[in-house]
Protein backbone atom coordinates (compact mmCIF):
# COMPACT_ATOMS: atom_id res chain seq x y z
CA UNK A 1 0.00 0.00 0.00
CA UNK A 2 1.36 3.42 -1.00
CA UNK A 3 2.00 5.98 1.75
CA UNK A 4 0.56 8.67 -0.50
CA UNK A 5 -2.68 9.20 -2.39
CA UNK A 6 -3.35 7.88 -5.86
CA UNK A 7 -5.22 10.44 -7.96
CA UNK A 8 -6.61 9.14 -11.25
CA UNK A 9 -7.97 11.63 -13.77
CA UNK A 10 -9.92 11.05 -16.97
CA UNK A 11 -10.73 13.55 -19.71
CA UNK A 12 -11.74 13.61 -23.35
CA UNK A 13 -13.18 16.43 -25.48
CA UNK A 14 -11.95 19.70 -24.00
CA UNK A 15 -9.65 17.80 -21.68
CA UNK A 16 -6.30 19.31 -22.62
CA UNK A 17 -7.33 22.75 -21.42
CA UNK A 18 -9.06 21.29 -18.37
CA UNK A 19 -5.97 19.29 -17.42
CA UNK A 20 -3.79 22.36 -17.80
CA UNK A 21 -6.03 24.25 -15.38
CA UNK A 22 -6.08 21.33 -12.97
CA UNK A 23 -2.30 20.90 -12.74
CA UNK A 24 -1.75 24.66 -12.55
CA UNK A 25 -3.45 24.66 -9.17
CA UNK A 26 -1.70 21.65 -7.61
CA UNK A 27 1.14 22.30 -5.14
CA UNK A 28 4.66 21.06 -5.81
CA UNK A 29 4.67 19.07 -2.56
CA UNK A 30 1.33 17.30 -3.05
CA UNK A 31 1.51 13.85 -1.40
CA UNK A 32 -0.05 12.08 -4.36
CA UNK A 33 0.84 10.43 -7.63
CA UNK A 34 -1.32 11.86 -10.41
CA UNK A 35 -2.24 9.48 -13.25
CA UNK A 36 -3.96 10.93 -16.30
CA UNK A 37 -5.83 9.50 -19.25
CA UNK A 38 -6.70 11.93 -22.02
CA UNK A 39 -8.34 10.40 -25.08
CA UNK A 40 -5.66 10.76 -27.74
CA UNK A 41 -5.90 7.57 -29.77
CA UNK A 42 -2.82 6.85 -31.88
CA UNK A 43 -1.96 10.50 -32.36
CA UNK A 44 1.35 11.98 -31.26
CA UNK A 45 0.95 13.72 -27.91
CA UNK A 46 2.79 16.68 -26.42
CA UNK A 47 0.65 16.62 -23.30
CA UNK A 48 3.54 16.01 -20.86
CA UNK A 49 5.34 19.17 -22.00
CA UNK A 50 2.10 21.15 -21.94
CA UNK A 51 1.27 20.09 -18.39
CA UNK A 52 4.80 20.73 -17.15
CA UNK A 53 4.59 24.26 -18.50
CA UNK A 54 1.19 24.76 -16.86
CA UNK A 55 2.10 23.87 -13.29
CA UNK A 56 4.87 22.96 -10.84
CA UNK A 57 4.77 19.18 -11.19
CA UNK A 58 6.97 17.14 -13.55
CA UNK A 59 4.95 15.20 -16.11
CA UNK A 60 5.78 12.40 -18.52
CA UNK A 61 4.26 9.63 -20.55
CA UNK A 62 4.27 6.52 -18.39
CA UNK A 63 6.63 3.70 -19.31
CA UNK A 64 6.13 0.06 -18.46
CA UNK A 65 7.26 -0.53 -14.87
CA UNK A 66 7.53 3.13 -13.80
CA UNK A 67 7.40 3.16 -9.99
CA UNK A 68 4.70 5.58 -8.86
CA UNK A 69 6.03 8.49 -6.83
CA UNK A 70 4.28 11.42 -5.16
CA UNK A 71 4.50 14.75 -6.92
CA UNK A 72 4.66 13.20 -10.40
CA UNK A 73 2.12 13.30 -13.24
CA UNK A 74 1.99 10.09 -15.30
CA UNK A 75 0.14 10.27 -18.62
CA UNK A 76 -1.14 7.36 -20.68
CA UNK A 77 0.85 7.29 -23.94
CA UNK A 78 -0.88 7.15 -27.32
CA UNK A 79 -2.58 3.86 -28.24
CA UNK A 80 -1.93 2.25 -24.82
CA UNK A 81 -4.14 1.69 -21.82
CA UNK A 82 -2.42 2.64 -18.57
CA UNK A 83 -3.05 0.54 -15.46
CA UNK A 84 -1.39 0.11 -12.08
CA UNK A 85 0.38 -3.14 -11.19
CA UNK A 86 2.04 -3.55 -7.78
CA UNK A 87 2.72 0.14 -7.33
CA UNK A 88 4.02 0.68 -10.86
CA UNK A 89 2.60 1.78 -14.18
CA UNK A 90 1.62 -0.91 -16.65
CA UNK A 91 0.91 -0.42 -20.34
CA UNK A 92 -1.22 -2.60 -22.56
CA UNK A 93 -2.59 -2.50 -26.09
CA UNK A 94 -5.66 -4.49 -25.09
CA UNK A 95 -9.03 -4.00 -26.78
CA UNK A 96 -10.48 -0.51 -26.94
CA UNK A 97 -12.94 0.34 -24.20
CA UNK A 98 -15.66 2.89 -24.85
CA UNK A 99 -14.15 3.17 -28.35
CA UNK A 100 -10.90 4.48 -26.87
CA UNK A 101 -7.31 3.39 -26.27
CA UNK A 102 -6.11 4.78 -23.96
CA UNK A 103 -9.36 4.54 -22.03
CA UNK A 104 -10.18 5.87 -18.58
CA UNK A 105 -11.98 2.89 -17.08
CA UNK A 106 -8.99 0.46 -17.06
CA UNK A 107 -6.89 2.91 -15.04
CA UNK A 108 -9.66 3.67 -12.55
CA UNK A 109 -10.48 -0.02 -12.05
CA UNK A 110 -6.87 -1.00 -11.44
CA UNK A 111 -6.37 1.85 -8.97
CA UNK A 112 -9.53 0.90 -7.09
CA UNK A 113 -8.52 -2.77 -6.92
CA UNK A 114 -5.08 -2.01 -5.51
CA UNK A 115 -5.55 1.05 -3.34
CA UNK A 116 -9.22 1.20 -2.31
CA UNK A 117 -9.70 4.09 0.10
CA UNK A 118 -6.42 5.66 -1.01
CA UNK A 119 -7.82 6.60 -4.43
CA UNK A 120 -9.30 9.89 -5.60
CA UNK A 121 -11.01 9.54 -8.99
CA UNK A 122 -11.65 12.66 -11.09
CA UNK A 123 -13.88 12.74 -14.20
CA UNK A 124 -13.54 15.86 -16.34
CA UNK A 125 -15.08 17.11 -19.56
CA UNK A 126 -15.63 14.65 -22.39
CA UNK A 127 -18.01 12.96 -24.81
CA UNK A 128 -19.84 9.66 -24.28
CA UNK A 129 -19.39 7.75 -21.00
CA UNK A 130 -15.80 6.62 -20.43
CA UNK A 131 -14.93 6.95 -16.74
CA UNK A 132 -18.38 6.04 -15.46
CA UNK A 133 -17.68 2.37 -14.71
CA UNK A 134 -14.24 3.22 -13.39
CA UNK A 135 -15.55 5.86 -11.01
CA UNK A 136 -18.17 3.40 -9.79
CA UNK A 137 -15.36 0.96 -8.97
CA UNK A 138 -13.41 3.65 -7.12
CA UNK A 139 -16.38 4.59 -4.96
CA UNK A 140 -17.45 0.98 -4.36
CA UNK A 141 -14.02 0.27 -2.86
CA UNK A 142 -14.08 3.27 -0.55
CA UNK A 143 -12.29 5.83 -2.70
CA UNK A 144 -13.53 9.34 -3.34
CA UNK A 145 -15.16 10.47 -6.58
CA UNK A 146 -14.95 13.99 -7.97
CA UNK A 147 -16.90 14.99 -11.06
CA UNK A 148 -16.61 18.29 -12.87
CA UNK A 149 -19.96 20.08 -12.78
CA UNK A 150 -21.52 19.30 -16.19
CA UNK A 151 -22.63 22.92 -16.51
CA UNK A 152 -18.97 23.94 -16.25
CA UNK A 153 -17.62 21.39 -18.76
CA UNK A 154 -16.93 22.06 -22.43
CA UNK A 155 -18.61 18.70 -23.13
CA UNK A 156 -20.99 17.53 -20.40
CA UNK A 157 -21.47 13.90 -21.53
CA UNK A 158 -18.83 12.20 -19.37
CA UNK A 159 -19.51 14.17 -16.19
CA UNK A 160 -23.26 13.74 -16.59
CA UNK A 161 -22.97 9.99 -17.17
CA UNK A 162 -20.67 9.60 -14.16
CA UNK A 163 -23.11 11.45 -11.93
CA UNK A 164 -26.11 9.50 -13.14
CA UNK A 165 -24.61 6.03 -12.94
CA UNK A 166 -21.67 6.16 -10.51
CA UNK A 167 -22.53 9.09 -8.30
CA UNK A 168 -19.89 11.34 -6.79
CA UNK A 169 -18.75 12.67 -3.46
CA UNK A 170 -18.10 16.09 -4.96
CA UNK A 171 -19.54 17.74 -8.07
CA UNK A 172 -17.82 21.08 -8.47
CA UNK A 173 -16.56 23.49 -11.15
CA UNK A 174 -13.10 22.82 -12.53
CA UNK A 175 -11.65 25.83 -10.71
CA UNK A 176 -12.39 24.17 -7.34
CA UNK A 177 -10.90 20.77 -8.14
CA UNK A 178 -7.14 21.45 -7.61
CA UNK A 179 -7.61 22.67 -4.04
CA UNK A 180 -10.06 19.86 -3.31
CA UNK A 181 -7.65 17.21 -4.63
CA UNK A 182 -4.82 18.70 -2.58
CA UNK A 183 -6.89 18.70 0.62
CA UNK A 184 -7.99 15.11 0.04
CA UNK A 185 -4.42 13.99 -0.64
CA UNK A 186 -3.29 15.55 2.61
CA UNK A 187 -6.07 13.86 4.56
CA UNK A 188 -7.67 17.18 5.48
CA UNK A 189 -10.95 15.79 4.17
CA UNK A 190 -11.80 12.15 4.69
CA UNK A 191 -14.70 10.21 3.25
CA UNK A 192 -16.36 10.18 6.66
CA UNK A 193 -16.20 13.98 6.81
CA UNK A 194 -17.79 14.70 3.45
CA UNK A 195 -20.76 16.94 4.11
CA UNK A 196 -24.35 16.12 3.29
CA UNK A 197 -24.37 19.32 1.21
CA UNK A 198 -21.55 17.97 -0.96
CA UNK A 199 -23.39 14.67 -1.40
CA UNK A 200 -26.56 16.53 -2.37
CA UNK A 201 -24.72 18.65 -4.92
CA UNK A 202 -23.16 15.50 -6.38
CA UNK A 203 -26.56 13.84 -6.75
CA UNK A 204 -28.36 16.70 -8.50
C-alpha atoms as a PDB file:
ATOM      1  CA  UNK A   1       0.000   0.000   0.000  1.00  0.00           C
ATOM      2  CA  UNK A   2       1.363   3.418  -0.998  1.00  0.00           C
ATOM      3  CA  UNK A   3       1.996   5.983   1.749  1.00  0.00           C
ATOM      4  CA  UNK A   4       0.557   8.669  -0.501  1.00  0.00           C
ATOM      5  CA  UNK A   5      -2.678   9.197  -2.389  1.00  0.00           C
ATOM      6  CA  UNK A   6      -3.346   7.875  -5.860  1.00  0.00           C
ATOM      7  CA  UNK A   7      -5.219  10.440  -7.956  1.00  0.00           C
ATOM      8  CA  UNK A   8      -6.608   9.141 -11.250  1.00  0.00           C
ATOM      9  CA  UNK A   9      -7.969  11.626 -13.768  1.00  0.00           C
ATOM     10  CA  UNK A  10      -9.920  11.052 -16.972  1.00  0.00           C
ATOM     11  CA  UNK A  11     -10.732  13.546 -19.711  1.00  0.00           C
ATOM     12  CA  UNK A  12     -11.745  13.608 -23.351  1.00  0.00           C
ATOM     13  CA  UNK A  13     -13.181  16.431 -25.485  1.00  0.00           C
ATOM     14  CA  UNK A  14     -11.950  19.704 -23.997  1.00  0.00           C
ATOM     15  CA  UNK A  15      -9.651  17.803 -21.684  1.00  0.00           C
ATOM     16  CA  UNK A  16      -6.296  19.307 -22.621  1.00  0.00           C
ATOM     17  CA  UNK A  17      -7.330  22.750 -21.424  1.00  0.00           C
ATOM     18  CA  UNK A  18      -9.062  21.290 -18.366  1.00  0.00           C
ATOM     19  CA  UNK A  19      -5.975  19.291 -17.418  1.00  0.00           C
ATOM     20  CA  UNK A  20      -3.787  22.363 -17.800  1.00  0.00           C
ATOM     21  CA  UNK A  21      -6.027  24.249 -15.384  1.00  0.00           C
ATOM     22  CA  UNK A  22      -6.082  21.325 -12.968  1.00  0.00           C
ATOM     23  CA  UNK A  23      -2.296  20.901 -12.737  1.00  0.00           C
ATOM     24  CA  UNK A  24      -1.750  24.661 -12.555  1.00  0.00           C
ATOM     25  CA  UNK A  25      -3.449  24.658  -9.169  1.00  0.00           C
ATOM     26  CA  UNK A  26      -1.695  21.651  -7.609  1.00  0.00           C
ATOM     27  CA  UNK A  27       1.140  22.303  -5.140  1.00  0.00           C
ATOM     28  CA  UNK A  28       4.661  21.064  -5.813  1.00  0.00           C
ATOM     29  CA  UNK A  29       4.669  19.068  -2.564  1.00  0.00           C
ATOM     30  CA  UNK A  30       1.331  17.297  -3.047  1.00  0.00           C
ATOM     31  CA  UNK A  31       1.507  13.851  -1.398  1.00  0.00           C
ATOM     32  CA  UNK A  32      -0.052  12.076  -4.362  1.00  0.00           C
ATOM     33  CA  UNK A  33       0.837  10.432  -7.632  1.00  0.00           C
ATOM     34  CA  UNK A  34      -1.318  11.859 -10.413  1.00  0.00           C
ATOM     35  CA  UNK A  35      -2.239   9.478 -13.252  1.00  0.00           C
ATOM     36  CA  UNK A  36      -3.964  10.935 -16.299  1.00  0.00           C
ATOM     37  CA  UNK A  37      -5.830   9.495 -19.255  1.00  0.00           C
ATOM     38  CA  UNK A  38      -6.696  11.929 -22.018  1.00  0.00           C
ATOM     39  CA  UNK A  39      -8.340  10.400 -25.076  1.00  0.00           C
ATOM     40  CA  UNK A  40      -5.656  10.760 -27.738  1.00  0.00           C
ATOM     41  CA  UNK A  41      -5.902   7.566 -29.771  1.00  0.00           C
ATOM     42  CA  UNK A  42      -2.824   6.845 -31.876  1.00  0.00           C
ATOM     43  CA  UNK A  43      -1.964  10.503 -32.360  1.00  0.00           C
ATOM     44  CA  UNK A  44       1.349  11.975 -31.261  1.00  0.00           C
ATOM     45  CA  UNK A  45       0.951  13.722 -27.908  1.00  0.00           C
ATOM     46  CA  UNK A  46       2.788  16.684 -26.424  1.00  0.00           C
ATOM     47  CA  UNK A  47       0.646  16.618 -23.302  1.00  0.00           C
ATOM     48  CA  UNK A  48       3.541  16.009 -20.862  1.00  0.00           C
ATOM     49  CA  UNK A  49       5.342  19.169 -21.997  1.00  0.00           C
ATOM     50  CA  UNK A  50       2.104  21.150 -21.942  1.00  0.00           C
ATOM     51  CA  UNK A  51       1.267  20.088 -18.394  1.00  0.00           C
ATOM     52  CA  UNK A  52       4.801  20.727 -17.147  1.00  0.00           C
ATOM     53  CA  UNK A  53       4.585  24.258 -18.500  1.00  0.00           C
ATOM     54  CA  UNK A  54       1.192  24.759 -16.863  1.00  0.00           C
ATOM     55  CA  UNK A  55       2.096  23.867 -13.287  1.00  0.00           C
ATOM     56  CA  UNK A  56       4.868  22.962 -10.841  1.00  0.00           C
ATOM     57  CA  UNK A  57       4.771  19.178 -11.192  1.00  0.00           C
ATOM     58  CA  UNK A  58       6.971  17.135 -13.548  1.00  0.00           C
ATOM     59  CA  UNK A  59       4.947  15.196 -16.107  1.00  0.00           C
ATOM     60  CA  UNK A  60       5.784  12.397 -18.517  1.00  0.00           C
ATOM     61  CA  UNK A  61       4.258   9.626 -20.548  1.00  0.00           C
ATOM     62  CA  UNK A  62       4.269   6.518 -18.387  1.00  0.00           C
ATOM     63  CA  UNK A  63       6.626   3.701 -19.311  1.00  0.00           C
ATOM     64  CA  UNK A  64       6.125   0.057 -18.460  1.00  0.00           C
ATOM     65  CA  UNK A  65       7.257  -0.527 -14.868  1.00  0.00           C
ATOM     66  CA  UNK A  66       7.531   3.130 -13.800  1.00  0.00           C
ATOM     67  CA  UNK A  67       7.398   3.160  -9.991  1.00  0.00           C
ATOM     68  CA  UNK A  68       4.705   5.577  -8.862  1.00  0.00           C
ATOM     69  CA  UNK A  69       6.031   8.489  -6.829  1.00  0.00           C
ATOM     70  CA  UNK A  70       4.278  11.417  -5.163  1.00  0.00           C
ATOM     71  CA  UNK A  71       4.499  14.752  -6.925  1.00  0.00           C
ATOM     72  CA  UNK A  72       4.656  13.201 -10.403  1.00  0.00           C
ATOM     73  CA  UNK A  73       2.123  13.296 -13.240  1.00  0.00           C
ATOM     74  CA  UNK A  74       1.995  10.091 -15.299  1.00  0.00           C
ATOM     75  CA  UNK A  75       0.138  10.269 -18.622  1.00  0.00           C
ATOM     76  CA  UNK A  76      -1.140   7.360 -20.681  1.00  0.00           C
ATOM     77  CA  UNK A  77       0.849   7.294 -23.939  1.00  0.00           C
ATOM     78  CA  UNK A  78      -0.878   7.149 -27.318  1.00  0.00           C
ATOM     79  CA  UNK A  79      -2.577   3.863 -28.239  1.00  0.00           C
ATOM     80  CA  UNK A  80      -1.927   2.248 -24.820  1.00  0.00           C
ATOM     81  CA  UNK A  81      -4.145   1.686 -21.819  1.00  0.00           C
ATOM     82  CA  UNK A  82      -2.416   2.644 -18.572  1.00  0.00           C
ATOM     83  CA  UNK A  83      -3.051   0.544 -15.462  1.00  0.00           C
ATOM     84  CA  UNK A  84      -1.389   0.114 -12.080  1.00  0.00           C
ATOM     85  CA  UNK A  85       0.381  -3.140 -11.189  1.00  0.00           C
ATOM     86  CA  UNK A  86       2.039  -3.550  -7.778  1.00  0.00           C
ATOM     87  CA  UNK A  87       2.724   0.139  -7.335  1.00  0.00           C
ATOM     88  CA  UNK A  88       4.022   0.680 -10.858  1.00  0.00           C
ATOM     89  CA  UNK A  89       2.601   1.779 -14.184  1.00  0.00           C
ATOM     90  CA  UNK A  90       1.622  -0.906 -16.649  1.00  0.00           C
ATOM     91  CA  UNK A  91       0.905  -0.420 -20.341  1.00  0.00           C
ATOM     92  CA  UNK A  92      -1.221  -2.604 -22.560  1.00  0.00           C
ATOM     93  CA  UNK A  93      -2.588  -2.496 -26.089  1.00  0.00           C
ATOM     94  CA  UNK A  94      -5.661  -4.485 -25.092  1.00  0.00           C
ATOM     95  CA  UNK A  95      -9.029  -3.996 -26.780  1.00  0.00           C
ATOM     96  CA  UNK A  96     -10.482  -0.508 -26.942  1.00  0.00           C
ATOM     97  CA  UNK A  97     -12.938   0.345 -24.199  1.00  0.00           C
ATOM     98  CA  UNK A  98     -15.658   2.889 -24.854  1.00  0.00           C
ATOM     99  CA  UNK A  99     -14.154   3.173 -28.354  1.00  0.00           C
ATOM    100  CA  UNK A 100     -10.897   4.478 -26.875  1.00  0.00           C
ATOM    101  CA  UNK A 101      -7.315   3.388 -26.274  1.00  0.00           C
ATOM    102  CA  UNK A 102      -6.112   4.783 -23.957  1.00  0.00           C
ATOM    103  CA  UNK A 103      -9.362   4.544 -22.029  1.00  0.00           C
ATOM    104  CA  UNK A 104     -10.175   5.870 -18.583  1.00  0.00           C
ATOM    105  CA  UNK A 105     -11.981   2.888 -17.079  1.00  0.00           C
ATOM    106  CA  UNK A 106      -8.992   0.456 -17.058  1.00  0.00           C
ATOM    107  CA  UNK A 107      -6.887   2.910 -15.042  1.00  0.00           C
ATOM    108  CA  UNK A 108      -9.656   3.675 -12.554  1.00  0.00           C
ATOM    109  CA  UNK A 109     -10.483  -0.018 -12.053  1.00  0.00           C
ATOM    110  CA  UNK A 110      -6.874  -1.000 -11.438  1.00  0.00           C
ATOM    111  CA  UNK A 111      -6.367   1.854  -8.965  1.00  0.00           C
ATOM    112  CA  UNK A 112      -9.527   0.899  -7.090  1.00  0.00           C
ATOM    113  CA  UNK A 113      -8.524  -2.766  -6.922  1.00  0.00           C
ATOM    114  CA  UNK A 114      -5.076  -2.007  -5.505  1.00  0.00           C
ATOM    115  CA  UNK A 115      -5.551   1.054  -3.341  1.00  0.00           C
ATOM    116  CA  UNK A 116      -9.219   1.196  -2.306  1.00  0.00           C
ATOM    117  CA  UNK A 117      -9.697   4.086   0.101  1.00  0.00           C
ATOM    118  CA  UNK A 118      -6.420   5.662  -1.012  1.00  0.00           C
ATOM    119  CA  UNK A 119      -7.819   6.603  -4.428  1.00  0.00           C
ATOM    120  CA  UNK A 120      -9.297   9.885  -5.603  1.00  0.00           C
ATOM    121  CA  UNK A 121     -11.010   9.541  -8.993  1.00  0.00           C
ATOM    122  CA  UNK A 122     -11.649  12.655 -11.093  1.00  0.00           C
ATOM    123  CA  UNK A 123     -13.875  12.737 -14.195  1.00  0.00           C
ATOM    124  CA  UNK A 124     -13.544  15.856 -16.338  1.00  0.00           C
ATOM    125  CA  UNK A 125     -15.076  17.111 -19.564  1.00  0.00           C
ATOM    126  CA  UNK A 126     -15.626  14.653 -22.387  1.00  0.00           C
ATOM    127  CA  UNK A 127     -18.012  12.964 -24.805  1.00  0.00           C
ATOM    128  CA  UNK A 128     -19.839   9.661 -24.281  1.00  0.00           C
ATOM    129  CA  UNK A 129     -19.391   7.753 -20.995  1.00  0.00           C
ATOM    130  CA  UNK A 130     -15.797   6.616 -20.433  1.00  0.00           C
ATOM    131  CA  UNK A 131     -14.930   6.950 -16.743  1.00  0.00           C
ATOM    132  CA  UNK A 132     -18.377   6.040 -15.460  1.00  0.00           C
ATOM    133  CA  UNK A 133     -17.679   2.368 -14.714  1.00  0.00           C
ATOM    134  CA  UNK A 134     -14.237   3.216 -13.392  1.00  0.00           C
ATOM    135  CA  UNK A 135     -15.546   5.863 -11.010  1.00  0.00           C
ATOM    136  CA  UNK A 136     -18.167   3.400  -9.791  1.00  0.00           C
ATOM    137  CA  UNK A 137     -15.357   0.955  -8.971  1.00  0.00           C
ATOM    138  CA  UNK A 138     -13.414   3.654  -7.122  1.00  0.00           C
ATOM    139  CA  UNK A 139     -16.384   4.591  -4.961  1.00  0.00           C
ATOM    140  CA  UNK A 140     -17.448   0.981  -4.358  1.00  0.00           C
ATOM    141  CA  UNK A 141     -14.018   0.275  -2.860  1.00  0.00           C
ATOM    142  CA  UNK A 142     -14.077   3.266  -0.552  1.00  0.00           C
ATOM    143  CA  UNK A 143     -12.289   5.828  -2.701  1.00  0.00           C
ATOM    144  CA  UNK A 144     -13.534   9.345  -3.341  1.00  0.00           C
ATOM    145  CA  UNK A 145     -15.156  10.465  -6.578  1.00  0.00           C
ATOM    146  CA  UNK A 146     -14.950  13.994  -7.967  1.00  0.00           C
ATOM    147  CA  UNK A 147     -16.896  14.992 -11.058  1.00  0.00           C
ATOM    148  CA  UNK A 148     -16.613  18.292 -12.870  1.00  0.00           C
ATOM    149  CA  UNK A 149     -19.959  20.083 -12.780  1.00  0.00           C
ATOM    150  CA  UNK A 150     -21.523  19.303 -16.187  1.00  0.00           C
ATOM    151  CA  UNK A 151     -22.629  22.920 -16.506  1.00  0.00           C
ATOM    152  CA  UNK A 152     -18.967  23.941 -16.246  1.00  0.00           C
ATOM    153  CA  UNK A 153     -17.615  21.389 -18.764  1.00  0.00           C
ATOM    154  CA  UNK A 154     -16.930  22.062 -22.432  1.00  0.00           C
ATOM    155  CA  UNK A 155     -18.608  18.697 -23.127  1.00  0.00           C
ATOM    156  CA  UNK A 156     -20.989  17.534 -20.398  1.00  0.00           C
ATOM    157  CA  UNK A 157     -21.472  13.905 -21.532  1.00  0.00           C
ATOM    158  CA  UNK A 158     -18.828  12.196 -19.373  1.00  0.00           C
ATOM    159  CA  UNK A 159     -19.509  14.169 -16.190  1.00  0.00           C
ATOM    160  CA  UNK A 160     -23.263  13.740 -16.592  1.00  0.00           C
ATOM    161  CA  UNK A 161     -22.965   9.986 -17.173  1.00  0.00           C
ATOM    162  CA  UNK A 162     -20.674   9.597 -14.162  1.00  0.00           C
ATOM    163  CA  UNK A 163     -23.105  11.454 -11.928  1.00  0.00           C
ATOM    164  CA  UNK A 164     -26.114   9.505 -13.144  1.00  0.00           C
ATOM    165  CA  UNK A 165     -24.610   6.025 -12.941  1.00  0.00           C
ATOM    166  CA  UNK A 166     -21.672   6.158 -10.507  1.00  0.00           C
ATOM    167  CA  UNK A 167     -22.531   9.095  -8.296  1.00  0.00           C
ATOM    168  CA  UNK A 168     -19.890  11.342  -6.791  1.00  0.00           C
ATOM    169  CA  UNK A 169     -18.751  12.665  -3.465  1.00  0.00           C
ATOM    170  CA  UNK A 170     -18.098  16.088  -4.959  1.00  0.00           C
ATOM    171  CA  UNK A 171     -19.540  17.737  -8.066  1.00  0.00           C
ATOM    172  CA  UNK A 172     -17.818  21.080  -8.471  1.00  0.00           C
ATOM    173  CA  UNK A 173     -16.556  23.486 -11.147  1.00  0.00           C
ATOM    174  CA  UNK A 174     -13.098  22.818 -12.526  1.00  0.00           C
ATOM    175  CA  UNK A 175     -11.646  25.828 -10.709  1.00  0.00           C
ATOM    176  CA  UNK A 176     -12.391  24.173  -7.342  1.00  0.00           C
ATOM    177  CA  UNK A 177     -10.895  20.767  -8.144  1.00  0.00           C
ATOM    178  CA  UNK A 178      -7.144  21.451  -7.606  1.00  0.00           C
ATOM    179  CA  UNK A 179      -7.613  22.672  -4.039  1.00  0.00           C
ATOM    180  CA  UNK A 180     -10.057  19.856  -3.313  1.00  0.00           C
ATOM    181  CA  UNK A 181      -7.650  17.211  -4.628  1.00  0.00           C
ATOM    182  CA  UNK A 182      -4.821  18.696  -2.581  1.00  0.00           C
ATOM    183  CA  UNK A 183      -6.893  18.697   0.621  1.00  0.00           C
ATOM    184  CA  UNK A 184      -7.991  15.108   0.039  1.00  0.00           C
ATOM    185  CA  UNK A 185      -4.418  13.992  -0.641  1.00  0.00           C
ATOM    186  CA  UNK A 186      -3.288  15.553   2.614  1.00  0.00           C
ATOM    187  CA  UNK A 187      -6.067  13.860   4.558  1.00  0.00           C
ATOM    188  CA  UNK A 188      -7.669  17.175   5.481  1.00  0.00           C
ATOM    189  CA  UNK A 189     -10.954  15.787   4.167  1.00  0.00           C
ATOM    190  CA  UNK A 190     -11.801  12.150   4.685  1.00  0.00           C
ATOM    191  CA  UNK A 191     -14.705  10.207   3.246  1.00  0.00           C
ATOM    192  CA  UNK A 192     -16.358  10.179   6.665  1.00  0.00           C
ATOM    193  CA  UNK A 193     -16.203  13.979   6.808  1.00  0.00           C
ATOM    194  CA  UNK A 194     -17.792  14.699   3.447  1.00  0.00           C
ATOM    195  CA  UNK A 195     -20.764  16.938   4.113  1.00  0.00           C
ATOM    196  CA  UNK A 196     -24.351  16.124   3.286  1.00  0.00           C
ATOM    197  CA  UNK A 197     -24.371  19.320   1.213  1.00  0.00           C
ATOM    198  CA  UNK A 198     -21.547  17.970  -0.962  1.00  0.00           C
ATOM    199  CA  UNK A 199     -23.389  14.668  -1.401  1.00  0.00           C
ATOM    200  CA  UNK A 200     -26.561  16.526  -2.373  1.00  0.00           C
ATOM    201  CA  UNK A 201     -24.716  18.645  -4.918  1.00  0.00           C
ATOM    202  CA  UNK A 202     -23.157  15.504  -6.376  1.00  0.00           C
ATOM    203  CA  UNK A 203     -26.562  13.843  -6.749  1.00  0.00           C
ATOM    204  CA  UNK A 204     -28.362  16.700  -8.501  1.00  0.00           C
END
